[in-house]
Amino acid sequence: KLPAPQYIDYELTQVQNLLDDERVFPTKERSAFPRDFSIR
């Protein structure tokens, strides 16, 4: 159990890390999205 500010900070940090992850959101031409993209 965490206080809301700490929980939200952790959650938003995880989301930011996923959004910045080239393996999840590829930006290079001809790069494929991962098979588990919909789960992520």
Full PDB file with SEQRES, HELIX, SHEET, SSBOND, CRYST1, ORIGX, SCALE, CONECT and MASTER records, all heavy atoms in Angstrom:
SEQRES   1 A   40  LYS LEU PRO ALA PRO GLN TYR ILE ASP TYR GLU LEU THR          
SEQRES   2 A   40  GLN VAL GLN ASN LEU LEU ASP ASP GLU ARG VAL PHE PRO          
SEQRES   3 A   40  THR LYS GLU ARG SER ALA PHE PRO ARG ASP PHE SER ILE          
SEQRES   4 A   40  ARG                                                          
HELIX    1 AA1 ALA A    4  ASP A   20  1                                  17    
CRYST1    1.000    1.000    1.000  90.00  90.00  90.00 P 1           1          
ORIGX1      1.000000  0.000000  0.000000        0.00000                         
ORIGX2      0.000000  1.000000  0.000000        0.00000                         
ORIGX3      0.000000  0.000000  1.000000        0.00000                         
SCALE1      1.000000  0.000000  0.000000        0.00000                         
SCALE2      0.000000  1.000000  0.000000        0.00000                         
SCALE3      0.000000  0.000000  1.000000        0.00000                         
ATOM      1  N   LYS A   1       0.861  -1.179   0.000  1.00  0.00           N  
ATOM      2  CA  LYS A   1       0.000   0.000   0.000  1.00  0.00           C  
ATOM      3  C   LYS A   1       0.896   1.227   0.000  1.00  0.00           C  
ATOM      4  O   LYS A   1       1.799   1.346   0.821  1.00  0.00           O  
ATOM      5  CB  LYS A   1      -0.905   0.010   1.229  1.00  0.00           C  
ATOM      6  CG  LYS A   1      -1.950  -1.057   1.217  1.00  0.00           C  
ATOM      7  CD  LYS A   1      -2.865  -0.930   2.418  1.00  0.00           C  
ATOM      8  CE  LYS A   1      -3.918  -2.016   2.359  1.00  0.00           C  
ATOM      9  NZ  LYS A   1      -4.913  -1.857   3.426  1.00  0.00           N  
ATOM     10  N   LEU A   2       0.636   2.114  -0.934  1.00  0.00           N  
ATOM     11  CA  LEU A   2       1.426   3.341  -1.048  1.00  0.00           C  
ATOM     12  C   LEU A   2       0.510   4.550  -0.994  1.00  0.00           C  
ATOM     13  O   LEU A   2      -0.644   4.483  -1.419  1.00  0.00           O  
ATOM     14  CB  LEU A   2       2.171   3.370  -2.386  1.00  0.00           C  
ATOM     15  CG  LEU A   2       3.231   2.314  -2.641  1.00  0.00           C  
ATOM     16  CD1 LEU A   2       3.758   2.446  -4.065  1.00  0.00           C  
ATOM     17  CD2 LEU A   2       4.360   2.426  -1.639  1.00  0.00           C  
ATOM     18  N   PRO A   3       1.031   5.678  -0.523  1.00  0.00           N  
ATOM     19  CA  PRO A   3       0.270   6.930  -0.645  1.00  0.00           C  
ATOM     20  C   PRO A   3       0.064   7.240  -2.127  1.00  0.00           C  
ATOM     21  O   PRO A   3       0.897   6.897  -2.977  1.00  0.00           O  
ATOM     22  CB  PRO A   3       1.167   7.969   0.024  1.00  0.00           C  
ATOM     23  CG  PRO A   3       2.171   7.202   0.806  1.00  0.00           C  
ATOM     24  CD  PRO A   3       2.308   5.861   0.155  1.00  0.00           C  
ATOM     25  N   ALA A   4      -1.038   7.882  -2.439  1.00  0.00           N  
ATOM     26  CA  ALA A   4      -1.376   8.169  -3.833  1.00  0.00           C  
ATOM     27  C   ALA A   4      -0.254   8.869  -4.600  1.00  0.00           C  
ATOM     28  O   ALA A   4       0.046   8.464  -5.733  1.00  0.00           O  
ATOM     29  CB  ALA A   4      -2.680   8.959  -3.910  1.00  0.00           C  
ATOM     30  N   PRO A   5       0.387   9.902  -4.051  1.00  0.00           N  
ATOM     31  CA  PRO A   5       1.435  10.569  -4.850  1.00  0.00           C  
ATOM     32  C   PRO A   5       2.574   9.626  -5.242  1.00  0.00           C  
ATOM     33  O   PRO A   5       3.073   9.693  -6.365  1.00  0.00           O  
ATOM     34  CB  PRO A   5       1.950  11.678  -3.931  1.00  0.00           C  
ATOM     35  CG  PRO A   5       0.884  11.888  -2.926  1.00  0.00           C  
ATOM     36  CD  PRO A   5       0.184  10.576  -2.768  1.00  0.00           C  
ATOM     37  N   GLN A   6       2.958   8.758  -4.329  1.00  0.00           N  
ATOM     38  CA  GLN A   6       4.042   7.820  -4.621  1.00  0.00           C  
ATOM     39  C   GLN A   6       3.581   6.780  -5.655  1.00  0.00           C  
ATOM     40  O   GLN A   6       4.300   6.488  -6.614  1.00  0.00           O  
ATOM     41  CB  GLN A   6       4.497   7.136  -3.339  1.00  0.00           C  
ATOM     42  CG  GLN A   6       5.732   6.298  -3.488  1.00  0.00           C  
ATOM     43  CD  GLN A   6       6.201   5.729  -2.154  1.00  0.00           C  
ATOM     44  OE1 GLN A   6       5.513   5.811  -1.146  1.00  0.00           O  
ATOM     45  NE2 GLN A   6       7.384   5.151  -2.162  1.00  0.00           N  
ATOM     46  N   TYR A   7       2.389   6.248  -5.465  1.00  0.00           N  
ATOM     47  CA  TYR A   7       1.832   5.269  -6.402  1.00  0.00           C  
ATOM     48  C   TYR A   7       1.735   5.887  -7.800  1.00  0.00           C  
ATOM     49  O   TYR A   7       2.153   5.270  -8.792  1.00  0.00           O  
ATOM     50  CB  TYR A   7       0.451   4.831  -5.924  1.00  0.00           C  
ATOM     51  CG  TYR A   7      -0.228   3.813  -6.805  1.00  0.00           C  
ATOM     52  CD1 TYR A   7      -0.141   2.457  -6.518  1.00  0.00           C  
ATOM     53  CD2 TYR A   7      -0.967   4.200  -7.918  1.00  0.00           C  
ATOM     54  CE1 TYR A   7      -0.773   1.518  -7.323  1.00  0.00           C  
ATOM     55  CE2 TYR A   7      -1.594   3.275  -8.729  1.00  0.00           C  
ATOM     56  CZ  TYR A   7      -1.495   1.933  -8.424  1.00  0.00           C  
ATOM     57  OH  TYR A   7      -2.122   1.006  -9.234  1.00  0.00           O  
ATOM     58  N   ILE A   8       1.193   7.079  -7.878  1.00  0.00           N  
ATOM     59  CA  ILE A   8       1.025   7.739  -9.181  1.00  0.00           C  
ATOM     60  C   ILE A   8       2.378   8.022  -9.824  1.00  0.00           C  
ATOM     61  O   ILE A   8       2.552   7.828 -11.026  1.00  0.00           O  
ATOM     62  CB  ILE A   8       0.172   9.020  -9.037  1.00  0.00           C  
ATOM     63  CG1 ILE A   8      -1.274   8.624  -8.690  1.00  0.00           C  
ATOM     64  CG2 ILE A   8       0.232   9.872 -10.301  1.00  0.00           C  
ATOM     65  CD1 ILE A   8      -2.161   9.780  -8.286  1.00  0.00           C  
ATOM     66  N   ASP A   9       3.340   8.446  -9.028  1.00  0.00           N  
ATOM     67  CA  ASP A   9       4.683   8.678  -9.554  1.00  0.00           C  
ATOM     68  C   ASP A   9       5.246   7.395 -10.151  1.00  0.00           C  
ATOM     69  O   ASP A   9       5.793   7.407 -11.266  1.00  0.00           O  
ATOM     70  CB  ASP A   9       5.607   9.213  -8.459  1.00  0.00           C  
ATOM     71  CG  ASP A   9       7.016   9.439  -8.972  1.00  0.00           C  
ATOM     72  OD1 ASP A   9       7.198  10.173  -9.964  1.00  0.00           O  
ATOM     73  OD2 ASP A   9       7.958   8.859  -8.371  1.00  0.00           O  
ATOM     74  N   TYR A  10       5.107   6.285  -9.445  1.00  0.00           N  
ATOM     75  CA  TYR A  10       5.594   4.998  -9.957  1.00  0.00           C  
ATOM     76  C   TYR A  10       4.873   4.618 -11.250  1.00  0.00           C  
ATOM     77  O   TYR A  10       5.494   4.178 -12.214  1.00  0.00           O  
ATOM     78  CB  TYR A  10       5.401   3.893  -8.924  1.00  0.00           C  
ATOM     79  CG  TYR A  10       6.331   3.935  -7.729  1.00  0.00           C  
ATOM     80  CD1 TYR A  10       6.198   3.009  -6.717  1.00  0.00           C  
ATOM     81  CD2 TYR A  10       7.337   4.886  -7.600  1.00  0.00           C  
ATOM     82  CE1 TYR A  10       7.031   3.016  -5.608  1.00  0.00           C  
ATOM     83  CE2 TYR A  10       8.172   4.913  -6.496  1.00  0.00           C  
ATOM     84  CZ  TYR A  10       8.022   3.968  -5.504  1.00  0.00           C  
ATOM     85  OH  TYR A  10       8.842   3.974  -4.411  1.00  0.00           O  
ATOM     86  N   GLU A  11       3.555   4.757 -11.258  1.00  0.00           N  
ATOM     87  CA  GLU A  11       2.772   4.379 -12.438  1.00  0.00           C  
ATOM     88  C   GLU A  11       3.148   5.236 -13.647  1.00  0.00           C  
ATOM     89  O   GLU A  11       3.378   4.704 -14.732  1.00  0.00           O  
ATOM     90  CB  GLU A  11       1.270   4.519 -12.154  1.00  0.00           C  
ATOM     91  CG  GLU A  11       0.717   3.528 -11.160  1.00  0.00           C  
ATOM     92  CD  GLU A  11       0.528   2.139 -11.733  1.00  0.00           C  
ATOM     93  OE1 GLU A  11       1.539   1.503 -12.101  1.00  0.00           O  
ATOM     94  OE2 GLU A  11      -0.620   1.691 -11.795  1.00  0.00           O  
ATOM     95  N   LEU A  12       3.188   6.549 -13.455  1.00  0.00           N  
ATOM     96  CA  LEU A  12       3.497   7.431 -14.579  1.00  0.00           C  
ATOM     97  C   LEU A  12       4.931   7.244 -15.067  1.00  0.00           C  
ATOM     98  O   LEU A  12       5.203   7.350 -16.264  1.00  0.00           O  
ATOM     99  CB  LEU A  12       3.221   8.890 -14.209  1.00  0.00           C  
ATOM    100  CG  LEU A  12       1.744   9.235 -13.984  1.00  0.00           C  
ATOM    101  CD1 LEU A  12       1.585  10.695 -13.565  1.00  0.00           C  
ATOM    102  CD2 LEU A  12       0.896   8.918 -15.213  1.00  0.00           C  
ATOM    103  N   THR A  13       5.836   6.920 -14.150  1.00  0.00           N  
ATOM    104  CA  THR A  13       7.216   6.634 -14.552  1.00  0.00           C  
ATOM    105  C   THR A  13       7.268   5.370 -15.396  1.00  0.00           C  
ATOM    106  O   THR A  13       7.959   5.333 -16.422  1.00  0.00           O  
ATOM    107  CB  THR A  13       8.121   6.502 -13.319  1.00  0.00           C  
ATOM    108  OG1 THR A  13       8.135   7.752 -12.619  1.00  0.00           O  
ATOM    109  CG2 THR A  13       9.549   6.129 -13.700  1.00  0.00           C  
ATOM    110  N   GLN A  14       6.530   4.331 -14.984  1.00  0.00           N  
ATOM    111  CA  GLN A  14       6.500   3.104 -15.775  1.00  0.00           C  
ATOM    112  C   GLN A  14       5.911   3.350 -17.164  1.00  0.00           C  
ATOM    113  O   GLN A  14       6.423   2.836 -18.159  1.00  0.00           O  
ATOM    114  CB  GLN A  14       5.699   2.015 -15.061  1.00  0.00           C  
ATOM    115  CG  GLN A  14       6.470   1.299 -13.997  1.00  0.00           C  
ATOM    116  CD  GLN A  14       5.746   0.049 -13.518  1.00  0.00           C  
ATOM    117  OE1 GLN A  14       4.556  -0.128 -13.736  1.00  0.00           O  
ATOM    118  NE2 GLN A  14       6.483  -0.811 -12.853  1.00  0.00           N  
ATOM    119  N   VAL A  15       4.843   4.135 -17.221  1.00  0.00           N  
ATOM    120  CA  VAL A  15       4.243   4.443 -18.516  1.00  0.00           C  
ATOM    121  C   VAL A  15       5.240   5.213 -19.377  1.00  0.00           C  
ATOM    122  O   VAL A  15       5.419   4.899 -20.559  1.00  0.00           O  
ATOM    123  CB  VAL A  15       2.913   5.214 -18.359  1.00  0.00           C  
ATOM    124  CG1 VAL A  15       2.413   5.725 -19.703  1.00  0.00           C  
ATOM    125  CG2 VAL A  15       1.860   4.340 -17.691  1.00  0.00           C  
ATOM    126  N   GLN A  16       5.881   6.216 -18.814  1.00  0.00           N  
ATOM    127  CA  GLN A  16       6.875   6.990 -19.570  1.00  0.00           C  
ATOM    128  C   GLN A  16       7.982   6.087 -20.093  1.00  0.00           C  
ATOM    129  O   GLN A  16       8.388   6.200 -21.258  1.00  0.00           O  
ATOM    130  CB  GLN A  16       7.479   8.092 -18.697  1.00  0.00           C  
ATOM    131  CG  GLN A  16       8.494   8.966 -19.414  1.00  0.00           C  
ATOM    132  CD  GLN A  16       7.847   9.850 -20.461  1.00  0.00           C  
ATOM    133  OE1 GLN A  16       7.060  10.705 -20.113  1.00  0.00           O  
ATOM    134  NE2 GLN A  16       8.171   9.644 -21.722  1.00  0.00           N  
ATOM    135  N   ASN A  17       8.443   5.159 -19.266  1.00  0.00           N  
ATOM    136  CA  ASN A  17       9.494   4.239 -19.700  1.00  0.00           C  
ATOM    137  C   ASN A  17       9.019   3.358 -20.859  1.00  0.00           C  
ATOM    138  O   ASN A  17       9.785   3.099 -21.791  1.00  0.00           O  
ATOM    139  CB  ASN A  17       9.976   3.377 -18.534  1.00  0.00           C  
ATOM    140  CG  ASN A  17      10.777   4.177 -17.524  1.00  0.00           C  
ATOM    141  OD1 ASN A  17      11.301   5.248 -17.828  1.00  0.00           O  
ATOM    142  ND2 ASN A  17      10.861   3.670 -16.313  1.00  0.00           N  
ATOM    143  N   LEU A  18       7.783   2.900 -20.806  1.00  0.00           N  
ATOM    144  CA  LEU A  18       7.243   2.104 -21.910  1.00  0.00           C  
ATOM    145  C   LEU A  18       7.128   2.941 -23.186  1.00  0.00           C  
ATOM    146  O   LEU A  18       7.470   2.471 -24.277  1.00  0.00           O  
ATOM    147  CB  LEU A  18       5.876   1.528 -21.548  1.00  0.00           C  
ATOM    148  CG  LEU A  18       5.884   0.327 -20.607  1.00  0.00           C  
ATOM    149  CD1 LEU A  18       4.470   0.022 -20.117  1.00  0.00           C  
ATOM    150  CD2 LEU A  18       6.483  -0.884 -21.294  1.00  0.00           C  
ATOM    151  N   LEU A  19       6.648   4.164 -23.039  1.00  0.00           N  
ATOM    152  CA  LEU A  19       6.500   5.025 -24.213  1.00  0.00           C  
ATOM    153  C   LEU A  19       7.848   5.364 -24.852  1.00  0.00           C  
ATOM    154  O   LEU A  19       7.929   5.545 -26.066  1.00  0.00           O  
ATOM    155  CB  LEU A  19       5.764   6.313 -23.832  1.00  0.00           C  
ATOM    156  CG  LEU A  19       4.311   6.151 -23.390  1.00  0.00           C  
ATOM    157  CD1 LEU A  19       3.744   7.482 -22.932  1.00  0.00           C  
ATOM    158  CD2 LEU A  19       3.457   5.550 -24.493  1.00  0.00           C  
ATOM    159  N   ASP A  20       8.882   5.429 -24.032  1.00  0.00           N  
ATOM    160  CA  ASP A  20      10.220   5.746 -24.524  1.00  0.00           C  
ATOM    161  C   ASP A  20      10.984   4.518 -25.033  1.00  0.00           C  
ATOM    162  O   ASP A  20      12.042   4.663 -25.642  1.00  0.00           O  
ATOM    163  CB  ASP A  20      11.054   6.403 -23.423  1.00  0.00           C  
ATOM    164  CG  ASP A  20      10.570   7.796 -23.069  1.00  0.00           C  
ATOM    165  OD1 ASP A  20       9.831   8.399 -23.874  1.00  0.00           O  
ATOM    166  OD2 ASP A  20      10.923   8.277 -21.970  1.00  0.00           O  
ATOM    167  N   ASP A  21      10.464   3.336 -24.782  1.00  0.00           N  
ATOM    168  CA  ASP A  21      11.151   2.096 -25.138  1.00  0.00           C  
ATOM    169  C   ASP A  21      11.002   1.818 -26.632  1.00  0.00           C  
ATOM    170  O   ASP A  21       9.913   1.555 -27.128  1.00  0.00           O  
ATOM    171  CB  ASP A  21      10.575   0.943 -24.313  1.00  0.00           C  
ATOM    172  CG  ASP A  21      11.366  -0.342 -24.459  1.00  0.00           C  
ATOM    173  OD1 ASP A  21      12.108  -0.502 -25.457  1.00  0.00           O  
ATOM    174  OD2 ASP A  21      11.235  -1.210 -23.569  1.00  0.00           O  
ATOM    175  N   GLU A  22      12.104   1.855 -27.321  1.00  0.00           N  
ATOM    176  CA  GLU A  22      12.131   1.634 -28.773  1.00  0.00           C  
ATOM    177  C   GLU A  22      11.627   0.242 -29.146  1.00  0.00           C  
ATOM    178  O   GLU A  22      11.102   0.035 -30.238  1.00  0.00           O  
ATOM    179  CB  GLU A  22      13.569   1.840 -29.281  1.00  0.00           C  
ATOM    180  CG  GLU A  22      13.728   1.785 -30.764  1.00  0.00           C  
ATOM    181  CD  GLU A  22      13.150   2.988 -31.490  1.00  0.00           C  
ATOM    182  OE1 GLU A  22      13.092   4.082 -30.910  1.00  0.00           O  
ATOM    183  OE2 GLU A  22      12.751   2.827 -32.656  1.00  0.00           O  
ATOM    184  N   ARG A  23      11.751  -0.718 -28.239  1.00  0.00           N  
ATOM    185  CA  ARG A  23      11.264  -2.078 -28.518  1.00  0.00           C  
ATOM    186  C   ARG A  23       9.737  -2.152 -28.463  1.00  0.00           C  
ATOM    187  O   ARG A  23       9.128  -3.014 -29.082  1.00  0.00           O  
ATOM    188  CB  ARG A  23      11.855  -3.079 -27.534  1.00  0.00           C  
ATOM    189  CG  ARG A  23      13.380  -3.232 -27.672  1.00  0.00           C  
ATOM    190  CD  ARG A  23      13.945  -3.968 -26.519  1.00  0.00           C  
ATOM    191  NE  ARG A  23      13.641  -3.179 -25.318  1.00  0.00           N  
ATOM    192  CZ  ARG A  23      13.981  -3.506 -24.091  1.00  0.00           C  
ATOM    193  NH1 ARG A  23      14.613  -4.610 -23.862  1.00  0.00           N  
ATOM    194  NH2 ARG A  23      13.693  -2.718 -23.074  1.00  0.00           N  
ATOM    195  N   VAL A  24       9.111  -1.250 -27.703  1.00  0.00           N  
ATOM    196  CA  VAL A  24       7.653  -1.239 -27.578  1.00  0.00           C  
ATOM    197  C   VAL A  24       7.036  -0.327 -28.635  1.00  0.00           C  
ATOM    198  O   VAL A  24       6.055  -0.682 -29.287  1.00  0.00           O  
ATOM    199  CB  VAL A  24       7.218  -0.797 -26.161  1.00  0.00           C  
ATOM    200  CG1 VAL A  24       5.698  -0.755 -26.053  1.00  0.00           C  
ATOM    201  CG2 VAL A  24       7.810  -1.723 -25.107  1.00  0.00           C  
ATOM    202  N   PHE A  25       7.604   0.869 -28.775  1.00  0.00           N  
ATOM    203  CA  PHE A  25       7.121   1.851 -29.748  1.00  0.00           C  
ATOM    204  C   PHE A  25       8.261   2.191 -30.709  1.00  0.00           C  
ATOM    205  O   PHE A  25       8.929   3.218 -30.556  1.00  0.00           O  
ATOM    206  CB  PHE A  25       6.634   3.115 -29.042  1.00  0.00           C  
ATOM    207  CG  PHE A  25       5.382   2.919 -28.257  1.00  0.00           C  
ATOM    208  CD1 PHE A  25       5.437   2.646 -26.901  1.00  0.00           C  
ATOM    209  CD2 PHE A  25       4.134   2.997 -28.868  1.00  0.00           C  
ATOM    210  CE1 PHE A  25       4.272   2.447 -26.165  1.00  0.00           C  
ATOM    211  CE2 PHE A  25       2.973   2.808 -28.150  1.00  0.00           C  
ATOM    212  CZ  PHE A  25       3.038   2.534 -26.789  1.00  0.00           C  
ATOM    213  N   PRO A  26       8.485   1.332 -31.689  1.00  0.00           N  
ATOM    214  CA  PRO A  26       9.605   1.563 -32.611  1.00  0.00           C  
ATOM    215  C   PRO A  26       9.386   2.815 -33.462  1.00  0.00           C  
ATOM    216  O   PRO A  26       8.265   3.099 -33.876  1.00  0.00           O  
ATOM    217  CB  PRO A  26       9.620   0.301 -33.477  1.00  0.00           C  
ATOM    218  CG  PRO A  26       8.262  -0.283 -33.349  1.00  0.00           C  
ATOM    219  CD  PRO A  26       7.719   0.142 -32.023  1.00  0.00           C  
ATOM    220  N   THR A  27      10.447   3.539 -33.669  1.00  0.00           N  
ATOM    221  CA  THR A  27      10.363   4.759 -34.465  1.00  0.00           C  
ATOM    222  C   THR A  27      11.158   4.655 -35.763  1.00  0.00           C  
ATOM    223  O   THR A  27      11.015   5.501 -36.637  1.00  0.00           O  
ATOM    224  CB  THR A  27      10.878   5.975 -33.668  1.00  0.00           C  
ATOM    225  OG1 THR A  27      12.230   5.722 -33.275  1.00  0.00           O  
ATOM    226  CG2 THR A  27      10.010   6.238 -32.451  1.00  0.00           C  
ATOM    227  N   LYS A  28      11.979   3.640 -35.863  1.00  0.00           N  
ATOM    228  CA  LYS A  28      12.799   3.482 -37.063  1.00  0.00           C  
ATOM    229  C   LYS A  28      11.995   2.779 -38.150  1.00  0.00           C  
ATOM    230  O   LYS A  28      11.190   1.889 -37.881  1.00  0.00           O  
ATOM    231  CB  LYS A  28      14.057   2.695 -36.725  1.00  0.00           C  
ATOM    232  CG  LYS A  28      14.979   3.467 -35.799  1.00  0.00           C  
ATOM    233  CD  LYS A  28      16.214   2.686 -35.468  1.00  0.00           C  
ATOM    234  CE  LYS A  28      17.176   3.452 -34.610  1.00  0.00           C  
ATOM    235  NZ  LYS A  28      16.650   4.116 -33.465  1.00  0.00           N  
ATOM    236  N   GLU A  29      12.238   3.196 -39.370  1.00  0.00           N  
ATOM    237  CA  GLU A  29      11.542   2.621 -40.521  1.00  0.00           C  
ATOM    238  C   GLU A  29      11.735   1.107 -40.567  1.00  0.00           C  
ATOM    239  O   GLU A  29      12.821   0.603 -40.290  1.00  0.00           O  
ATOM    240  CB  GLU A  29      12.075   3.260 -41.806  1.00  0.00           C  
ATOM    241  CG  GLU A  29      11.281   2.901 -43.018  1.00  0.00           C  
ATOM    242  CD  GLU A  29      11.761   3.636 -44.253  1.00  0.00           C  
ATOM    243  OE1 GLU A  29      12.494   4.633 -44.124  1.00  0.00           O  
ATOM    244  OE2 GLU A  29      11.405   3.203 -45.339  1.00  0.00           O  
ATOM    245  N   ARG A  30      10.653   0.409 -40.865  1.00  0.00           N  
ATOM    246  CA  ARG A  30      10.618  -1.051 -40.993  1.00  0.00           C  
ATOM    247  C   ARG A  30      10.785  -1.795 -39.668  1.00  0.00           C  
ATOM    248  O   ARG A  30      10.999  -3.003 -39.657  1.00  0.00           O  
ATOM    249  CB  ARG A  30      11.634  -1.549 -42.009  1.00  0.00           C  
ATOM    250  CG  ARG A  30      11.389  -1.000 -43.398  1.00  0.00           C  
ATOM    251  CD  ARG A  30      12.423  -1.518 -44.359  1.00  0.00           C  
ATOM    252  NE  ARG A  30      12.402  -0.725 -45.559  1.00  0.00           N  
ATOM    253  CZ  ARG A  30      12.238  -1.221 -46.761  1.00  0.00           C  
ATOM    254  NH1 ARG A  30      12.109  -2.510 -46.924  1.00  0.00           N  
ATOM    255  NH2 ARG A  30      12.232  -0.424 -47.799  1.00  0.00           N  
ATOM    256  N   SER A  31      10.741  -1.087 -38.578  1.00  0.00           N  
ATOM    257  CA  SER A  31      10.785  -1.752 -37.272  1.00  0.00           C  
ATOM    258  C   SER A  31       9.389  -2.248 -36.934  1.00  0.00           C  
ATOM    259  O   SER A  31       8.400  -1.544 -37.145  1.00  0.00           O  
ATOM    260  CB  SER A  31      11.248  -0.783 -36.181  1.00  0.00           C  
ATOM    261  OG  SER A  31      12.563  -0.374 -36.428  1.00  0.00           O  
ATOM    262  N   ALA A  32       9.335  -3.431 -36.398  1.00  0.00           N  
ATOM    263  CA  ALA A  32       8.041  -4.035 -36.076  1.00  0.00           C  
ATOM    264  C   ALA A  32       7.665  -3.777 -34.612  1.00  0.00           C  
ATOM    265  O   ALA A  32       8.531  -3.674 -33.748  1.00  0.00           O  
ATOM    266  CB  ALA A  32       8.098  -5.532 -36.323  1.00  0.00           C  
ATOM    267  N   PHE A  33       6.362  -3.690 -34.383  1.00  0.00           N  
ATOM    268  CA  PHE A  33       5.873  -3.614 -33.019  1.00  0.00           C  
ATOM    269  C   PHE A  33       5.982  -5.006 -32.404  1.00  0.00           C  
ATOM    270  O   PHE A  33       5.894  -6.009 -33.117  1.00  0.00           O  
ATOM    271  CB  PHE A  33       4.420  -3.123 -32.986  1.00  0.00           C  
ATOM    272  CG  PHE A  33       4.290  -1.654 -33.266  1.00  0.00           C  
ATOM    273  CD1 PHE A  33       4.148  -1.186 -34.565  1.00  0.00           C  
ATOM    274  CD2 PHE A  33       4.316  -0.737 -32.224  1.00  0.00           C  
ATOM    275  CE1 PHE A  33       4.034   0.166 -34.832  1.00  0.00           C  
ATOM    276  CE2 PHE A  33       4.210   0.625 -32.474  1.00  0.00           C  
ATOM    277  CZ  PHE A  33       4.070   1.076 -33.781  1.00  0.00           C  
ATOM    278  N   PRO A  34       6.164  -5.088 -31.091  1.00  0.00           N  
ATOM    279  CA  PRO A  34       6.307  -6.405 -30.463  1.00  0.00           C  
ATOM    280  C   PRO A  34       4.998  -7.202 -30.517  1.00  0.00           C  
ATOM    281  O   PRO A  34       3.914  -6.629 -30.650  1.00  0.00           O  
ATOM    282  CB  PRO A  34       6.675  -6.062 -29.014  1.00  0.00           C  
ATOM    283  CG  PRO A  34       6.143  -4.697 -28.797  1.00  0.00           C  
ATOM    284  CD  PRO A  34       6.234  -3.998 -30.123  1.00  0.00           C  
ATOM    285  N   ARG A  35       5.116  -8.506 -30.427  1.00  0.00           N  
ATOM    286  CA  ARG A  35       3.937  -9.376 -30.463  1.00  0.00           C  
ATOM    287  C   ARG A  35       2.970  -9.081 -29.326  1.00  0.00           C  
ATOM    288  O   ARG A  35       1.771  -9.242 -29.472  1.00  0.00           O  
ATOM    289  CB  ARG A  35       4.353 -10.838 -30.407  1.00  0.00           C  
ATOM    290  CG  ARG A  35       5.009 -11.299 -31.661  1.00  0.00           C  
ATOM    291  CD  ARG A  35       5.289 -12.771 -31.615  1.00  0.00           C  
ATOM    292  NE  ARG A  35       6.090 -13.118 -32.786  1.00  0.00           N  
ATOM    293  CZ  ARG A  35       6.856 -14.165 -32.864  1.00  0.00           C  
ATOM    294  NH1 ARG A  35       6.922 -14.998 -31.854  1.00  0.00           N  
ATOM    295  NH2 ARG A  35       7.546 -14.391 -33.953  1.00  0.00           N  
ATOM    296  N   ASP A  36       3.511  -8.677 -28.188  1.00  0.00           N  
ATOM    297  CA  ASP A  36       2.668  -8.409 -27.015  1.00  0.00           C  
ATOM    298  C   ASP A  36       2.249  -6.934 -26.932  1.00  0.00           C  
ATOM    299  O   ASP A  36       1.890  -6.444 -25.863  1.00  0.00           O  
ATOM    300  CB  ASP A  36       3.374  -8.840 -25.735  1.00  0.00           C  
ATOM    301  CG  ASP A  36       4.634  -8.043 -25.437  1.00  0.00           C  
ATOM    302  OD1 ASP A  36       5.131  -7.317 -26.340  1.00  0.00           O  
ATOM    303  OD2 ASP A  36       5.130  -8.130 -24.305  1.00  0.00           O  
ATOM    304  N   PHE A  37       2.273  -6.256 -28.060  1.00  0.00           N  
ATOM    305  CA  PHE A  37       1.946  -4.826 -28.075  1.00  0.00           C  
ATOM    306  C   PHE A  37       0.579  -4.541 -27.466  1.00  0.00           C  
ATOM    307  O   PHE A  37       0.433  -3.636 -26.647  1.00  0.00           O  
ATOM    308  CB  PHE A  37       2.024  -4.276 -29.506  1.00  0.00           C  
ATOM    309  CG  PHE A  37       1.764  -2.804 -29.602  1.00  0.00           C  
ATOM    310  CD1 PHE A  37       2.734  -1.900 -29.202  1.00  0.00           C  
ATOM    311  CD2 PHE A  37       0.557  -2.319 -30.074  1.00  0.00           C  
ATOM    312  CE1 PHE A  37       2.509  -0.527 -29.276  1.00  0.00           C  
ATOM    313  CE2 PHE A  37       0.324  -0.959 -30.161  1.00  0.00           C  
ATOM    314  CZ  PHE A  37       1.291  -0.058 -29.758  1.00  0.00           C  
ATOM    315  N   SER A  38      -0.425  -5.297 -27.836  1.00  0.00           N  
ATOM    316  CA  SER A  38      -1.779  -5.038 -27.313  1.00  0.00           C  
ATOM    317  C   SER A  38      -1.835  -5.224 -25.798  1.00  0.00           C  
ATOM    318  O   SER A  38      -2.546  -4.486 -25.114  1.00  0.00           O  
ATOM    319  CB  SER A  38      -2.813  -5.914 -28.011  1.00  0.00           C  
ATOM    320  OG  SER A  38      -2.575  -7.276 -27.741  1.00  0.00           O  
ATOM    321  N   ILE A  39      -1.091  -6.164 -25.280  1.00  0.00           N  
ATOM    322  CA  ILE A  39      -1.049  -6.368 -23.822  1.00  0.00           C  
ATOM    323  C   ILE A  39      -0.417  -5.152 -23.151  1.00  0.00           C  
ATOM    324  O   ILE A  39      -0.917  -4.655 -22.136  1.00  0.00           O  
ATOM    325  CB  ILE A  39      -0.268  -7.658 -23.477  1.00  0.00           C  
ATOM    326  CG1 ILE A  39      -1.043  -8.869 -23.967  1.00  0.00           C  
ATOM    327  CG2 ILE A  39       0.013  -7.739 -21.985  1.00  0.00           C  
ATOM    328  CD1 ILE A  39      -0.250 -10.158 -23.938  1.00  0.00           C  
ATOM    329  N   ARG A  40       0.655  -4.672 -23.727  1.00  0.00           N  
ATOM    330  CA  ARG A  40       1.343  -3.504 -23.148  1.00  0.00           C  
ATOM    331  C   ARG A  40       0.471  -2.249 -23.201  1.00  0.00           C  
ATOM    332  O   ARG A  40       0.461  -1.454 -22.272  1.00  0.00           O  
ATOM    333  CB  ARG A  40       2.678  -3.275 -23.844  1.00  0.00           C  
ATOM    334  CG  ARG A  40       3.677  -4.362 -23.519  1.00  0.00           C  
ATOM    335  CD  ARG A  40       4.967  -4.136 -24.270  1.00  0.00           C  
ATOM    336  NE  ARG A  40       5.876  -5.221 -24.082  1.00  0.00           N  
ATOM    337  CZ  ARG A  40       7.085  -5.091 -23.520  1.00  0.00           C  
ATOM    338  NH1 ARG A  40       7.487  -3.922 -23.088  1.00  0.00           N  
ATOM    339  NH2 ARG A  40       7.864  -6.127 -23.407  1.00  0.00           N  
TER     340      ARG A  40                                                      
MASTER        0    0    0    1    0    0    0    6  339    1    0    4          
END                                                                             
